[in-house]
Amino acid sequence: MKRIAFAVLEYLLGFLALAVFAALAFPQGAPSDQRVLFAFKVGGGLAVVELAVLLCRAAPANRLIVGANLWRAAGGLAALTRQWWWLEGYRYLGESGLFIGIAAVGHRA
């Protein structure tokens, strides 16, 4: 039973950064630039922690979660270092940028 509970908790951990990012960026409809920057900073930090946990496991990591976390970590790094051109690319691509990150991880694996 403990093993199943740990597996479920470990699986849900993969979605923590996404949930925090969405809650911070979209609390009341369309996000403002400041909310998106803050969400990328916080979500990117959580994504790096999640990636470290997922990649240290013996079992293979879920490529969907790894791709989404890499996308968020890159956005968080861009927000911290004020790389506006990167964030403008994210804005231009919209949600499809996330899917491009997931596809890139899937293609490399």
Protein backbone atom coordinates (compact mmCIF):
# COMPACT_ATOMS: atom_id res chain seq x y z
CA MET A 1 0.00 0.00 0.00
CA LYS A 2 2.84 2.37 0.89
CA ARG A 3 4.45 1.65 -2.46
CA ILE A 4 1.29 2.55 -4.36
CA ALA A 5 0.85 5.77 -2.39
CA PHE A 6 4.48 6.72 -3.11
CA ALA A 7 4.01 5.99 -6.84
CA VAL A 8 0.89 8.17 -6.99
CA LEU A 9 2.60 10.99 -5.10
CA GLU A 10 5.63 10.77 -7.38
CA TYR A 11 3.38 10.91 -10.46
CA LEU A 12 1.48 13.93 -9.15
CA LEU A 13 4.76 15.70 -8.36
CA GLY A 14 5.34 15.88 -12.12
CA PHE A 15 2.35 18.20 -12.47
CA LEU A 16 3.12 20.49 -9.53
CA ALA A 17 5.11 23.07 -11.54
CA LEU A 18 2.41 23.16 -14.21
CA ALA A 19 -0.34 23.65 -11.65
CA VAL A 20 1.58 26.41 -9.84
CA PHE A 21 2.45 28.12 -13.14
CA ALA A 22 -1.18 28.07 -14.29
CA ALA A 23 -2.49 29.28 -10.92
CA LEU A 24 -0.05 32.20 -10.86
CA ALA A 25 -0.36 33.20 -14.52
CA PHE A 26 -4.12 32.76 -15.04
CA PRO A 27 -5.90 33.43 -11.73
CA GLN A 28 -8.51 35.74 -13.30
CA GLY A 29 -8.61 35.22 -17.04
CA ALA A 30 -6.07 36.71 -19.44
CA PRO A 31 -2.63 37.10 -17.83
CA SER A 32 -0.72 40.34 -17.55
CA ASP A 33 2.96 40.53 -18.44
CA GLN A 34 3.96 40.86 -14.79
CA ARG A 35 1.95 37.81 -13.74
CA VAL A 36 3.47 35.72 -16.54
CA LEU A 37 7.00 36.78 -15.57
CA PHE A 38 6.36 35.91 -11.93
CA ALA A 39 4.74 32.60 -12.92
CA PHE A 40 7.73 31.68 -15.09
CA LYS A 41 10.16 32.51 -12.29
CA VAL A 42 8.32 30.41 -9.70
CA GLY A 43 7.23 27.66 -12.11
CA GLY A 44 10.68 27.48 -13.66
CA GLY A 45 12.28 26.96 -10.27
CA LEU A 46 9.82 24.22 -9.41
CA ALA A 47 10.37 22.65 -12.84
CA VAL A 48 14.13 22.43 -12.21
CA VAL A 49 13.47 20.70 -8.87
CA GLU A 50 11.01 18.32 -10.53
CA LEU A 51 13.49 17.52 -13.29
CA ALA A 52 16.17 16.73 -10.72
CA VAL A 53 13.81 14.40 -8.86
CA LEU A 54 12.53 12.72 -12.02
CA LEU A 55 15.96 12.18 -13.53
CA CYS A 56 17.42 10.74 -10.29
CA ARG A 57 14.84 7.97 -10.22
CA ALA A 58 15.66 4.46 -11.41
CA ALA A 59 12.49 4.30 -13.52
CA PRO A 60 12.44 6.21 -16.81
CA ALA A 61 10.93 9.68 -16.58
CA ASN A 62 7.68 10.56 -18.33
CA ARG A 63 8.72 12.40 -21.50
CA LEU A 64 5.61 14.59 -21.46
CA ILE A 65 6.44 15.87 -18.01
CA VAL A 66 10.15 16.26 -18.82
CA GLY A 67 9.35 18.26 -21.98
CA ALA A 68 6.89 20.52 -20.17
CA ASN A 69 9.33 21.09 -17.31
CA LEU A 70 12.17 21.92 -19.71
CA TRP A 71 9.88 24.45 -21.42
CA ARG A 72 9.01 26.03 -18.07
CA ALA A 73 12.62 25.96 -16.85
CA ALA A 74 13.79 27.71 -20.03
CA GLY A 75 11.05 30.31 -19.59
CA GLY A 76 12.01 30.80 -15.95
CA LEU A 77 15.66 31.24 -16.88
CA ALA A 78 14.68 33.73 -19.59
CA ALA A 79 12.54 35.67 -17.10
CA LEU A 80 15.32 35.75 -14.51
CA THR A 81 17.96 36.86 -17.02
CA ARG A 82 15.60 39.24 -18.84
CA GLN A 83 15.89 37.54 -22.19
CA TRP A 84 12.79 39.24 -23.61
CA TRP A 85 13.35 37.82 -27.11
CA TRP A 86 12.89 34.29 -25.70
CA LEU A 87 9.71 35.23 -23.87
CA GLU A 88 8.42 37.01 -26.99
CA GLY A 89 8.96 33.73 -28.84
CA TYR A 90 6.89 31.98 -26.18
CA ARG A 91 4.19 34.63 -26.59
CA TYR A 92 4.21 34.24 -30.37
CA LEU A 93 4.00 30.44 -30.19
CA GLY A 94 1.47 30.39 -27.36
CA GLU A 95 0.61 26.94 -26.06
CA SER A 96 2.14 25.32 -29.14
CA GLY A 97 5.58 26.23 -27.70
CA LEU A 98 4.88 23.79 -24.88
CA PHE A 99 4.04 21.05 -27.36
CA ILE A 100 7.21 21.80 -29.34
CA GLY A 101 9.21 21.27 -26.12
CA ILE A 102 7.43 17.99 -25.47
CA ALA A 103 7.96 16.87 -29.08
CA ALA A 104 11.67 17.75 -28.89
CA VAL A 105 12.10 15.56 -25.80
CA GLY A 106 10.12 12.75 -27.43
CA HIS A 107 12.20 12.99 -30.58
CA ARG A 108 15.49 12.84 -28.65
CA ALA A 109 14.44 9.86 -26.52
